[in-house]
Amino acid sequence: MKTWIAGAALALATLTGTAYADGHGEYPERPIMLMVSYGAGGATDFQARIVTMTAGNEDALGMPIAIVNRPGAGGRVGWNWFASEAESDGYTLGAYNIPHFIAQSIEGGVSYSAESFEPIANWGADPAVFVVGADSDFNSMDDVVSYAKENPGGLTFSGAGLFVGHHIAALQLEKAAGVKMAYIPNNAGGAGAMRAVIAGEVLGGVNNLSDAFRAQAAGNVKILGVFDLERNAFLPDVPTLKEQGYDIDNASVNFRGVMVPKGTPQPIIDKLAATVPAMFENKRVKSRMEAGGSPMHIMTRDEVLAMWAAREETLKELLAGL
């Protein structure tokens, strides 16, 4: 009996997949989950809730997307689960962060790599920034570096974890400035790292522009530099690290988007890839993202595949040098 039931289920799944491929559109038939590897309130969680808020519309997926947080170890907890345990049925999506999961897979000790996942679409590109408390004596990156030179290893600063964009930016800063600093990964992700700066538990921090934008607007921090090739439209008065004399590129910029586990049926991947970028283009979504200081950078599946491959090559070279 069990064999018959299993066979019938397989036949039904095959029929459903074929029916979808023929344009009958059975997927999705129920709400979808989007796993975020960081805690509630951080930039990835904040943005994921905005970019998926129109998923239930008839011109989108026609089904809502619920956010489920699986934070820990700089994203490793969630992505390990997603690669090894998540169902590849199209009802469990994951938020990706680049360079985070690729850098972590290069360093080793995780159950995933770029080959473990299938990208769907990219919604944003969030540069790292250096922040200090609003009452800090530091007013420029030169102030920060001068302190670090006078106090080797004594400049404490927070970030969302190890081998995430924040950590890569920190390593680049140490190399470019020729200093040793004390990078402190925060188990609560970007939100926790920002709280550590505001509370004065550390002298500074590397964080996401979007988190820092909101914290600065609230009068809690000062933003001293942007880890990107050009100034950001949200912070036109804040110079890049390169402008301030530090040879740092955009390798730490945090690309965010949606992916599915390897093994997800191709018709479902195709449906998502055709629908999700347009969902990100929704005017309400763009307005909410702009209000929250969250830079958007929408990319299709093919564009993301190319970006992942290029970032992997860049990170292999960068991490070997650092």
C-alpha atoms as a PDB file:
ATOM      1  CA  MET A   1       0.000   0.000   0.000  1.00  0.00           C
ATOM      2  CA  LYS A   2       2.813   2.399   0.939  1.00  0.00           C
ATOM      3  CA  THR A   3       4.478   1.712  -2.398  1.00  0.00           C
ATOM      4  CA  TRP A   4       1.223   2.458  -4.251  1.00  0.00           C
ATOM      5  CA  ILE A   5       0.693   5.708  -2.328  1.00  0.00           C
ATOM      6  CA  ALA A   6       4.277   6.818  -2.977  1.00  0.00           C
ATOM      7  CA  GLY A   7       3.860   6.008  -6.665  1.00  0.00           C
ATOM      8  CA  ALA A   8       0.573   7.877  -6.862  1.00  0.00           C
ATOM      9  CA  ALA A   9       2.107  10.897  -5.132  1.00  0.00           C
ATOM     10  CA  LEU A  10       5.014  10.891  -7.570  1.00  0.00           C
ATOM     11  CA  ALA A  11       2.641  10.623 -10.521  1.00  0.00           C
ATOM     12  CA  LEU A  12       0.553  13.510  -9.167  1.00  0.00           C
ATOM     13  CA  ALA A  13       3.671  15.626  -8.663  1.00  0.00           C
ATOM     14  CA  THR A  14       4.818  14.841 -12.192  1.00  0.00           C
ATOM     15  CA  LEU A  15       1.366  15.646 -13.574  1.00  0.00           C
ATOM     16  CA  THR A  16       1.259  18.930 -11.651  1.00  0.00           C
ATOM     17  CA  GLY A  17       4.690  19.885 -12.924  1.00  0.00           C
ATOM     18  CA  THR A  18       3.674  19.013 -16.483  1.00  0.00           C
ATOM     19  CA  ALA A  19       0.416  20.864 -16.149  1.00  0.00           C
ATOM     20  CA  TYR A  20       2.284  23.923 -14.947  1.00  0.00           C
ATOM     21  CA  ALA A  21       4.753  23.630 -17.791  1.00  0.00           C
ATOM     22  CA  ASP A  22       1.783  23.569 -20.186  1.00  0.00           C
ATOM     23  CA  GLY A  23       0.607  26.868 -18.746  1.00  0.00           C
ATOM     24  CA  HIS A  24      -2.175  25.757 -16.379  1.00  0.00           C
ATOM     25  CA  GLY A  25      -0.560  27.582 -13.455  1.00  0.00           C
ATOM     26  CA  GLU A  26      -1.198  25.317 -10.432  1.00  0.00           C
ATOM     27  CA  TYR A  27       1.721  26.829  -8.515  1.00  0.00           C
ATOM     28  CA  PRO A  28       1.408  28.363  -6.002  1.00  0.00           C
ATOM     29  CA  GLU A  29      -1.628  26.803  -4.366  1.00  0.00           C
ATOM     30  CA  ARG A  30      -0.873  27.876  -0.792  1.00  0.00           C
ATOM     31  CA  PRO A  31       1.113  30.539   1.088  1.00  0.00           C
ATOM     32  CA  ILE A  32       4.899  30.585   0.725  1.00  0.00           C
ATOM     33  CA  MET A  33       7.626  30.936   3.362  1.00  0.00           C
ATOM     34  CA  LEU A  34      10.729  33.091   2.936  1.00  0.00           C
ATOM     35  CA  MET A  35      13.567  32.148   5.288  1.00  0.00           C
ATOM     36  CA  VAL A  36      15.772  35.041   6.459  1.00  0.00           C
ATOM     37  CA  SER A  37      19.107  34.068   8.039  1.00  0.00           C
ATOM     38  CA  TYR A  38      19.185  37.160  10.244  1.00  0.00           C
ATOM     39  CA  GLY A  39      17.084  38.420  13.138  1.00  0.00           C
ATOM     40  CA  ALA A  40      13.942  40.530  13.070  1.00  0.00           C
ATOM     41  CA  GLY A  41      14.584  44.245  12.714  1.00  0.00           C
ATOM     42  CA  GLY A  42      17.847  44.021  10.771  1.00  0.00           C
ATOM     43  CA  ALA A  43      18.205  45.276   7.221  1.00  0.00           C
ATOM     44  CA  THR A  44      17.621  41.914   5.506  1.00  0.00           C
ATOM     45  CA  ASP A  45      14.486  41.209   7.548  1.00  0.00           C
ATOM     46  CA  PHE A  46      13.216  44.796   7.205  1.00  0.00           C
ATOM     47  CA  GLN A  47      13.662  44.785   3.424  1.00  0.00           C
ATOM     48  CA  ALA A  48      12.380  41.233   2.901  1.00  0.00           C
ATOM     49  CA  ARG A  49       9.079  42.181   4.528  1.00  0.00           C
ATOM     50  CA  ILE A  50       8.730  45.177   2.197  1.00  0.00           C
ATOM     51  CA  VAL A  51       9.661  43.519  -1.100  1.00  0.00           C
ATOM     52  CA  THR A  52       7.282  40.593  -0.483  1.00  0.00           C
ATOM     53  CA  MET A  53       4.304  42.617   0.754  1.00  0.00           C
ATOM     54  CA  THR A  54       2.516  42.506  -2.642  1.00  0.00           C
ATOM     55  CA  ALA A  55       3.101  38.771  -3.245  1.00  0.00           C
ATOM     56  CA  GLY A  56      -0.586  37.989  -2.709  1.00  0.00           C
ATOM     57  CA  ASN A  57      -1.717  40.364  -5.459  1.00  0.00           C
ATOM     58  CA  GLU A  58      -3.264  38.810  -8.562  1.00  0.00           C
ATOM     59  CA  ASP A  59      -0.581  40.395 -10.744  1.00  0.00           C
ATOM     60  CA  ALA A  60       2.130  38.836  -8.535  1.00  0.00           C
ATOM     61  CA  LEU A  61       2.118  35.292  -7.110  1.00  0.00           C
ATOM     62  CA  GLY A  62      -1.473  35.362  -5.884  1.00  0.00           C
ATOM     63  CA  MET A  63      -0.344  33.954  -2.541  1.00  0.00           C
ATOM     64  CA  PRO A  64       1.194  35.739   0.453  1.00  0.00           C
ATOM     65  CA  ILE A  65       4.801  35.227   1.530  1.00  0.00           C
ATOM     66  CA  ALA A  66       5.491  34.844   5.263  1.00  0.00           C
ATOM     67  CA  ILE A  67       8.918  35.701   6.688  1.00  0.00           C
ATOM     68  CA  VAL A  68      10.544  33.149   9.001  1.00  0.00           C
ATOM     69  CA  ASN A  69      13.773  34.133  10.792  1.00  0.00           C
ATOM     70  CA  ARG A  70      16.534  31.563  11.397  1.00  0.00           C
ATOM     71  CA  PRO A  71      19.382  33.755  12.684  1.00  0.00           C
ATOM     72  CA  GLY A  72      22.772  32.780  14.045  1.00  0.00           C
ATOM     73  CA  ALA A  73      26.499  32.620  13.244  1.00  0.00           C
ATOM     74  CA  GLY A  74      26.432  35.368  10.620  1.00  0.00           C
ATOM     75  CA  GLY A  75      23.782  33.588   8.548  1.00  0.00           C
ATOM     76  CA  ARG A  76      25.297  30.111   8.749  1.00  0.00           C
ATOM     77  CA  VAL A  77      22.473  28.627  10.843  1.00  0.00           C
ATOM     78  CA  GLY A  78      19.783  29.575   8.338  1.00  0.00           C
ATOM     79  CA  TRP A  79      21.715  28.741   5.175  1.00  0.00           C
ATOM     80  CA  ASN A  80      22.908  25.389   6.539  1.00  0.00           C
ATOM     81  CA  TRP A  81      19.255  24.525   7.214  1.00  0.00           C
ATOM     82  CA  PHE A  82      18.154  25.824   3.823  1.00  0.00           C
ATOM     83  CA  ALA A  83      20.777  23.785   1.962  1.00  0.00           C
ATOM     84  CA  SER A  84      20.273  20.530   3.862  1.00  0.00           C
ATOM     85  CA  GLU A  85      16.700  20.426   5.193  1.00  0.00           C
ATOM     86  CA  ALA A  86      14.421  22.849   3.329  1.00  0.00           C
ATOM     87  CA  GLU A  87      11.837  21.342   0.973  1.00  0.00           C
ATOM     88  CA  SER A  88      12.608  22.005  -2.701  1.00  0.00           C
ATOM     89  CA  ASP A  89       8.930  22.349  -3.613  1.00  0.00           C
ATOM     90  CA  GLY A  90       8.743  26.080  -4.257  1.00  0.00           C
ATOM     91  CA  TYR A  91       7.020  26.811  -0.954  1.00  0.00           C
ATOM     92  CA  THR A  92      10.250  27.430   0.953  1.00  0.00           C
ATOM     93  CA  LEU A  93      12.226  30.361  -0.419  1.00  0.00           C
ATOM     94  CA  GLY A  94      15.360  31.837   1.114  1.00  0.00           C
ATOM     95  CA  ALA A  95      16.813  35.331   1.241  1.00  0.00           C
ATOM     96  CA  TYR A  96      20.440  35.411   0.111  1.00  0.00           C
ATOM     97  CA  ASN A  97      23.148  37.859   1.087  1.00  0.00           C
ATOM     98  CA  ILE A  98      26.197  38.263  -1.142  1.00  0.00           C
ATOM     99  CA  PRO A  99      29.128  38.288  -0.345  1.00  0.00           C
ATOM    100  CA  HIS A 100      28.136  36.602   2.923  1.00  0.00           C
ATOM    101  CA  PHE A 101      27.254  33.027   2.020  1.00  0.00           C
ATOM    102  CA  ILE A 102      29.831  32.785  -0.774  1.00  0.00           C
ATOM    103  CA  ALA A 103      32.641  34.072   1.450  1.00  0.00           C
ATOM    104  CA  GLN A 104      31.586  31.651   4.189  1.00  0.00           C
ATOM    105  CA  SER A 105      31.597  28.724   1.768  1.00  0.00           C
ATOM    106  CA  ILE A 106      35.105  29.695   0.582  1.00  0.00           C
ATOM    107  CA  GLU A 107      36.328  29.792   4.183  1.00  0.00           C
ATOM    108  CA  GLY A 108      34.734  26.388   4.843  1.00  0.00           C
ATOM    109  CA  GLY A 109      32.939  24.755   7.749  1.00  0.00           C
ATOM    110  CA  VAL A 110      29.458  25.157   6.228  1.00  0.00           C
ATOM    111  CA  SER A 111      27.098  22.836   4.350  1.00  0.00           C
ATOM    112  CA  TYR A 112      26.511  25.121   1.373  1.00  0.00           C
ATOM    113  CA  SER A 113      28.048  26.867  -1.595  1.00  0.00           C
ATOM    114  CA  ALA A 114      26.688  28.721  -4.596  1.00  0.00           C
ATOM    115  CA  GLU A 115      25.946  25.275  -6.078  1.00  0.00           C
ATOM    116  CA  SER A 116      23.487  24.535  -3.249  1.00  0.00           C
ATOM    117  CA  PHE A 117      20.976  27.183  -4.335  1.00  0.00           C
ATOM    118  CA  GLU A 118      19.130  28.525  -7.383  1.00  0.00           C
ATOM    119  CA  PRO A 119      18.776  32.327  -7.482  1.00  0.00           C
ATOM    120  CA  ILE A 120      15.444  33.843  -8.459  1.00  0.00           C
ATOM    121  CA  ALA A 121      15.944  37.638  -8.406  1.00  0.00           C
ATOM    122  CA  ASN A 122      17.884  40.391  -6.618  1.00  0.00           C
ATOM    123  CA  TRP A 123      16.134  43.279  -4.891  1.00  0.00           C
ATOM    124  CA  GLY A 124      18.904  45.439  -3.400  1.00  0.00           C
ATOM    125  CA  ALA A 125      22.554  46.405  -3.073  1.00  0.00           C
ATOM    126  CA  ASP A 126      23.344  47.821   0.357  1.00  0.00           C
ATOM    127  CA  PRO A 127      26.874  49.206   0.891  1.00  0.00           C
ATOM    128  CA  ALA A 128      28.673  48.845   4.195  1.00  0.00           C
ATOM    129  CA  VAL A 129      29.319  52.042   6.137  1.00  0.00           C
ATOM    130  CA  PHE A 130      31.450  52.906   9.166  1.00  0.00           C
ATOM    131  CA  VAL A 131      29.388  54.264  12.064  1.00  0.00           C
ATOM    132  CA  VAL A 132      30.149  55.721  15.487  1.00  0.00           C
ATOM    133  CA  GLY A 133      27.918  56.900  18.304  1.00  0.00           C
ATOM    134  CA  ALA A 134      26.350  60.315  17.906  1.00  0.00           C
ATOM    135  CA  ASP A 135      28.507  61.700  20.742  1.00  0.00           C
ATOM    136  CA  SER A 136      31.757  60.095  19.530  1.00  0.00           C
ATOM    137  CA  ASP A 137      34.925  62.181  19.231  1.00  0.00           C
ATOM    138  CA  PHE A 138      35.541  60.562  15.824  1.00  0.00           C
ATOM    139  CA  ASN A 139      34.370  62.740  12.942  1.00  0.00           C
ATOM    140  CA  SER A 140      36.226  61.178  10.004  1.00  0.00           C
ATOM    141  CA  MET A 141      37.900  57.928   9.026  1.00  0.00           C
ATOM    142  CA  ASP A 142      41.265  59.614   9.618  1.00  0.00           C
ATOM    143  CA  ASP A 143      40.219  60.099  13.252  1.00  0.00           C
ATOM    144  CA  VAL A 144      39.373  56.395  13.484  1.00  0.00           C
ATOM    145  CA  VAL A 145      42.613  55.253  11.855  1.00  0.00           C
ATOM    146  CA  SER A 146      44.743  57.613  13.963  1.00  0.00           C
ATOM    147  CA  TYR A 147      43.224  56.133  17.122  1.00  0.00           C
ATOM    148  CA  ALA A 148      43.822  52.614  15.818  1.00  0.00           C
ATOM    149  CA  LYS A 149      47.491  53.403  15.128  1.00  0.00           C
ATOM    150  CA  GLU A 150      47.971  54.838  18.598  1.00  0.00           C
ATOM    151  CA  ASN A 151      46.097  51.931  20.229  1.00  0.00           C
ATOM    152  CA  PRO A 152      46.882  48.731  18.266  1.00  0.00           C
ATOM    153  CA  GLY A 153      44.005  46.289  18.676  1.00  0.00           C
ATOM    154  CA  GLY A 154      42.230  48.725  20.984  1.00  0.00           C
ATOM    155  CA  LEU A 155      39.645  50.102  18.599  1.00  0.00           C
ATOM    156  CA  THR A 156      36.605  47.892  19.106  1.00  0.00           C
ATOM    157  CA  PHE A 157      33.975  47.847  16.395  1.00  0.00           C
ATOM    158  CA  SER A 158      30.967  45.652  15.701  1.00  0.00           C
ATOM    159  CA  GLY A 159      29.579  43.835  12.681  1.00  0.00           C
ATOM    160  CA  ALA A 160      26.933  41.244  11.834  1.00  0.00           C
ATOM    161  CA  GLY A 161      29.220  38.198  11.897  1.00  0.00           C
ATOM    162  CA  LEU A 162      32.291  36.517  10.446  1.00  0.00           C
ATOM    163  CA  PHE A 163      32.867  36.582   6.685  1.00  0.00           C
ATOM    164  CA  VAL A 164      29.815  38.695   6.004  1.00  0.00           C
ATOM    165  CA  GLY A 165      30.040  41.991   4.114  1.00  0.00           C
ATOM    166  CA  HIS A 166      30.783  43.869   7.342  1.00  0.00           C
ATOM    167  CA  HIS A 167      33.734  41.607   8.159  1.00  0.00           C
ATOM    168  CA  ILE A 168      35.106  41.832   4.624  1.00  0.00           C
ATOM    169  CA  ALA A 169      34.900  45.642   4.820  1.00  0.00           C
ATOM    170  CA  ALA A 170      36.692  45.492   8.186  1.00  0.00           C
ATOM    171  CA  LEU A 171      39.488  43.331   6.768  1.00  0.00           C
ATOM    172  CA  GLN A 172      39.857  45.684   3.816  1.00  0.00           C
ATOM    173  CA  LEU A 173      40.053  48.695   6.140  1.00  0.00           C
ATOM    174  CA  GLU A 174      42.754  47.095   8.275  1.00  0.00           C
ATOM    175  CA  LYS A 175      44.799  46.251   5.198  1.00  0.00           C
ATOM    176  CA  ALA A 176      44.325  49.619   3.451  1.00  0.00           C
ATOM    177  CA  ALA A 177      45.076  51.634   6.614  1.00  0.00           C
ATOM    178  CA  GLY A 178      47.839  49.348   7.875  1.00  0.00           C
ATOM    179  CA  VAL A 179      46.269  49.012  11.319  1.00  0.00           C
ATOM    180  CA  LYS A 180      45.052  46.270  13.629  1.00  0.00           C
ATOM    181  CA  MET A 181      41.553  46.741  15.028  1.00  0.00           C
ATOM    182  CA  ALA A 182      39.259  44.598  17.188  1.00  0.00           C
ATOM    183  CA  TYR A 183      36.326  43.426  15.058  1.00  0.00           C
ATOM    184  CA  ILE A 184      33.535  42.017  17.263  1.00  0.00           C
ATOM    185  CA  PRO A 185      30.909  39.902  15.446  1.00  0.00           C
ATOM    186  CA  ASN A 186      27.450  40.242  16.948  1.00  0.00           C
ATOM    187  CA  ASN A 187      25.268  37.149  17.288  1.00  0.00           C
ATOM    188  CA  ALA A 188      22.141  39.261  16.778  1.00  0.00           C
ATOM    189  CA  GLY A 189      23.239  40.342  13.289  1.00  0.00           C
ATOM    190  CA  GLY A 190      23.204  43.889  11.946  1.00  0.00           C
ATOM    191  CA  ALA A 191      20.507  45.056  14.361  1.00  0.00           C
ATOM    192  CA  GLY A 192      22.497  43.800  17.344  1.00  0.00           C
ATOM    193  CA  ALA A 193      25.722  45.270  15.972  1.00  0.00           C
ATOM    194  CA  MET A 194      24.042  48.667  15.621  1.00  0.00           C
ATOM    195  CA  ARG A 195      22.655  48.489  19.156  1.00  0.00           C
ATOM    196  CA  ALA A 196      26.204  47.853  20.415  1.00  0.00           C
ATOM    197  CA  VAL A 197      27.377  51.094  18.779  1.00  0.00           C
ATOM    198  CA  ILE A 198      24.446  53.136  20.086  1.00  0.00           C
ATOM    199  CA  ALA A 199      24.885  51.750  23.607  1.00  0.00           C
ATOM    200  CA  GLY A 200      28.598  52.577  23.613  1.00  0.00           C
ATOM    201  CA  GLU A 201      29.634  48.939  23.990  1.00  0.00           C
ATOM    202  CA  VAL A 202      32.081  49.430  21.090  1.00  0.00           C
ATOM    203  CA  LEU A 203      33.858  52.493  19.701  1.00  0.00           C
ATOM    204  CA  GLY A 204      32.394  52.051  16.229  1.00  0.00           C
ATOM    205  CA  GLY A 205      30.921  49.598  13.786  1.00  0.00           C
ATOM    206  CA  VAL A 206      30.608  48.492  10.197  1.00  0.00           C
ATOM    207  CA  ASN A 207      26.948  48.142   9.275  1.00  0.00           C
ATOM    208  CA  ASN A 208      24.493  48.324   6.394  1.00  0.00           C
ATOM    209  CA  LEU A 209      23.789  51.732   4.901  1.00  0.00           C
ATOM    210  CA  SER A 210      20.044  51.119   5.298  1.00  0.00           C
ATOM    211  CA  ASP A 211      20.319  50.356   9.044  1.00  0.00           C
ATOM    212  CA  ALA A 212      22.719  53.262   9.544  1.00  0.00           C
ATOM    213  CA  PHE A 213      20.490  55.651   7.583  1.00  0.00           C
ATOM    214  CA  ARG A 214      17.605  55.044   9.979  1.00  0.00           C
ATOM    215  CA  ALA A 215      19.853  55.189  13.048  1.00  0.00           C
ATOM    216  CA  GLN A 216      21.390  58.491  11.928  1.00  0.00           C
ATOM    217  CA  ALA A 217      17.949  59.941  11.176  1.00  0.00           C
ATOM    218  CA  ALA A 218      16.990  59.081  14.758  1.00  0.00           C
ATOM    219  CA  GLY A 219      20.060  60.944  16.036  1.00  0.00           C
ATOM    220  CA  ASN A 220      21.779  57.804  17.348  1.00  0.00           C
ATOM    221  CA  VAL A 221      24.908  57.550  15.159  1.00  0.00           C
ATOM    222  CA  LYS A 222      27.227  59.392  12.804  1.00  0.00           C
ATOM    223  CA  ILE A 223      28.199  57.804   9.467  1.00  0.00           C
ATOM    224  CA  LEU A 224      31.839  58.474   8.607  1.00  0.00           C
ATOM    225  CA  GLY A 225      32.418  56.606   5.352  1.00  0.00           C
ATOM    226  CA  VAL A 226      30.886  54.377   2.673  1.00  0.00           C
ATOM    227  CA  PHE A 227      32.582  51.187   1.458  1.00  0.00           C
ATOM    228  CA  ASP A 228      31.693  51.627  -2.222  1.00  0.00           C
ATOM    229  CA  LEU A 229      33.120  53.099  -5.407  1.00  0.00           C
ATOM    230  CA  GLU A 230      30.789  56.107  -5.411  1.00  0.00           C
ATOM    231  CA  ARG A 231      28.825  58.139  -2.881  1.00  0.00           C
ATOM    232  CA  ASN A 232      25.323  56.875  -2.232  1.00  0.00           C
ATOM    233  CA  ALA A 233      22.244  58.923  -3.123  1.00  0.00           C
ATOM    234  CA  PHE A 234      20.866  58.349   0.395  1.00  0.00           C
ATOM    235  CA  LEU A 235      24.037  59.839   1.938  1.00  0.00           C
ATOM    236  CA  PRO A 236      25.303  62.403  -0.576  1.00  0.00           C
ATOM    237  CA  ASP A 237      27.409  64.214   2.059  1.00  0.00           C
ATOM    238  CA  VAL A 238      29.255  61.099   3.264  1.00  0.00           C
ATOM    239  CA  PRO A 239      32.487  60.376   1.345  1.00  0.00           C
ATOM    240  CA  THR A 240      33.590  56.905   0.297  1.00  0.00           C
ATOM    241  CA  LEU A 241      36.606  55.271   1.932  1.00  0.00           C
ATOM    242  CA  LYS A 242      38.452  55.708  -1.356  1.00  0.00           C
ATOM    243  CA  GLU A 243      37.756  59.459  -1.310  1.00  0.00           C
ATOM    244  CA  GLN A 244      39.283  59.566   2.158  1.00  0.00           C
ATOM    245  CA  GLY A 245      42.497  57.981   0.918  1.00  0.00           C
ATOM    246  CA  TYR A 246      41.903  54.267   1.575  1.00  0.00           C
ATOM    247  CA  ASP A 247      42.194  51.856  -1.352  1.00  0.00           C
ATOM    248  CA  ILE A 248      38.957  49.934  -0.788  1.00  0.00           C
ATOM    249  CA  ASP A 249      36.585  48.772  -3.526  1.00  0.00           C
ATOM    250  CA  ASN A 250      32.941  47.587  -3.465  1.00  0.00           C
ATOM    251  CA  ALA A 251      33.604  43.908  -2.600  1.00  0.00           C
ATOM    252  CA  SER A 252      31.645  44.235   0.659  1.00  0.00           C
ATOM    253  CA  VAL A 253      28.462  45.674  -0.887  1.00  0.00           C
ATOM    254  CA  ASN A 254      25.572  43.498   0.332  1.00  0.00           C
ATOM    255  CA  PHE A 255      23.450  42.169  -2.534  1.00  0.00           C
ATOM    256  CA  ARG A 256      20.110  40.779  -1.329  1.00  0.00           C
ATOM    257  CA  GLY A 257      17.572  38.666  -3.139  1.00  0.00           C
ATOM    258  CA  VAL A 258      15.497  35.503  -3.265  1.00  0.00           C
ATOM    259  CA  MET A 259      16.634  31.944  -3.965  1.00  0.00           C
ATOM    260  CA  VAL A 260      15.314  28.374  -3.769  1.00  0.00           C
ATOM    261  CA  PRO A 261      17.067  25.129  -2.822  1.00  0.00           C
ATOM    262  CA  LYS A 262      18.804  23.132  -5.528  1.00  0.00           C
ATOM    263  CA  GLY A 263      16.395  20.515  -6.859  1.00  0.00           C
ATOM    264  CA  THR A 264      13.379  22.815  -7.069  1.00  0.00           C
ATOM    265  CA  PRO A 265      11.412  21.885 -10.238  1.00  0.00           C
ATOM    266  CA  GLN A 266      12.390  24.003 -13.224  1.00  0.00           C
ATOM    267  CA  PRO A 267       8.787  25.094 -14.009  1.00  0.00           C
ATOM    268  CA  ILE A 268       8.546  26.567 -10.507  1.00  0.00           C
ATOM    269  CA  ILE A 269      11.925  28.319 -10.872  1.00  0.00           C
ATOM    270  CA  ASP A 270      10.747  29.720 -14.205  1.00  0.00           C
ATOM    271  CA  LYS A 271       7.449  30.935 -12.700  1.00  0.00           C
ATOM    272  CA  LEU A 272       9.226  32.670  -9.821  1.00  0.00           C
ATOM    273  CA  ALA A 273      11.927  34.130 -12.080  1.00  0.00           C
ATOM    274  CA  ALA A 274       9.264  35.622 -14.346  1.00  0.00           C
ATOM    275  CA  THR A 275       7.158  37.040 -11.501  1.00  0.00           C
ATOM    276  CA  VAL A 276       9.395  38.133  -8.628  1.00  0.00           C
ATOM    277  CA  PRO A 277      11.383  40.936 -10.371  1.00  0.00           C
ATOM    278  CA  ALA A 278       8.102  42.611 -11.384  1.00  0.00           C
ATOM    279  CA  MET A 279       6.935  42.246  -7.764  1.00  0.00           C
ATOM    280  CA  PHE A 280      10.018  44.190  -6.663  1.00  0.00           C
ATOM    281  CA  GLU A 281       9.189  46.889  -9.240  1.00  0.00           C
ATOM    282  CA  ASN A 282       5.839  47.619  -7.571  1.00  0.00           C
ATOM    283  CA  LYS A 283       5.492  51.351  -6.820  1.00  0.00           C
ATOM    284  CA  ARG A 284       4.411  50.754  -3.207  1.00  0.00           C
ATOM    285  CA  VAL A 285       7.433  48.526  -2.644  1.00  0.00           C
ATOM    286  CA  LYS A 286       9.823  51.096  -4.103  1.00  0.00           C
ATOM    287  CA  SER A 287       8.262  53.896  -2.062  1.00  0.00           C
ATOM    288  CA  ARG A 288       8.570  51.955   1.209  1.00  0.00           C
ATOM    289  CA  MET A 289      12.157  50.962   0.438  1.00  0.00           C
ATOM    290  CA  GLU A 290      13.107  54.566  -0.315  1.00  0.00           C
ATOM    291  CA  ALA A 291      11.477  55.807   2.881  1.00  0.00           C
ATOM    292  CA  GLY A 292      13.559  53.303   4.839  1.00  0.00           C
ATOM    293  CA  GLY A 293      16.848  54.318   3.235  1.00  0.00           C
ATOM    294  CA  SER A 294      17.152  50.967   1.475  1.00  0.00           C
ATOM    295  CA  PRO A 295      18.896  51.100  -1.926  1.00  0.00           C
ATOM    296  CA  MET A 296      17.236  48.911  -4.551  1.00  0.00           C
ATOM    297  CA  HIS A 297      19.082  47.084  -7.311  1.00  0.00           C
ATOM    298  CA  ILE A 298      16.690  44.777  -9.150  1.00  0.00           C
ATOM    299  CA  MET A 299      18.249  41.959 -11.180  1.00  0.00           C
ATOM    300  CA  THR A 300      16.785  39.000 -13.068  1.00  0.00           C
ATOM    301  CA  ARG A 301      17.749  35.370 -12.483  1.00  0.00           C
ATOM    302  CA  ASP A 302      20.267  35.372 -15.346  1.00  0.00           C
ATOM    303  CA  GLU A 303      21.839  38.592 -14.062  1.00  0.00           C
ATOM    304  CA  VAL A 304      22.098  37.151 -10.561  1.00  0.00           C
ATOM    305  CA  LEU A 305      23.722  33.948 -11.825  1.00  0.00           C
ATOM    306  CA  ALA A 306      26.383  36.071 -13.530  1.00  0.00           C
ATOM    307  CA  MET A 307      26.813  38.240 -10.407  1.00  0.00           C
ATOM    308  CA  TRP A 308      27.216  35.209  -8.137  1.00  0.00           C
ATOM    309  CA  ALA A 309      29.904  33.757 -10.407  1.00  0.00           C
ATOM    310  CA  ALA A 310      31.788  37.066 -10.632  1.00  0.00           C
ATOM    311  CA  ARG A 311      31.621  37.664  -6.879  1.00  0.00           C
ATOM    312  CA  GLU A 312      32.913  34.164  -6.175  1.00  0.00           C
ATOM    313  CA  GLU A 313      36.011  34.797  -8.273  1.00  0.00           C
ATOM    314  CA  THR A 314      36.549  38.216  -6.645  1.00  0.00           C
ATOM    315  CA  LEU A 315      36.135  36.800  -3.136  1.00  0.00           C
ATOM    316  CA  LYS A 316      38.510  33.876  -3.711  1.00  0.00           C
ATOM    317  CA  GLU A 317      41.215  36.342  -4.694  1.00  0.00           C
ATOM    318  CA  LEU A 318      40.348  38.877  -1.978  1.00  0.00           C
ATOM    319  CA  LEU A 319      40.173  36.398   0.903  1.00  0.00           C
ATOM    320  CA  ALA A 320      43.421  34.742  -0.159  1.00  0.00           C
ATOM    321  CA  GLY A 321      45.076  38.185   0.002  1.00  0.00           C
ATOM    322  CA  LEU A 322      43.576  39.028   3.391  1.00  0.00           C
END
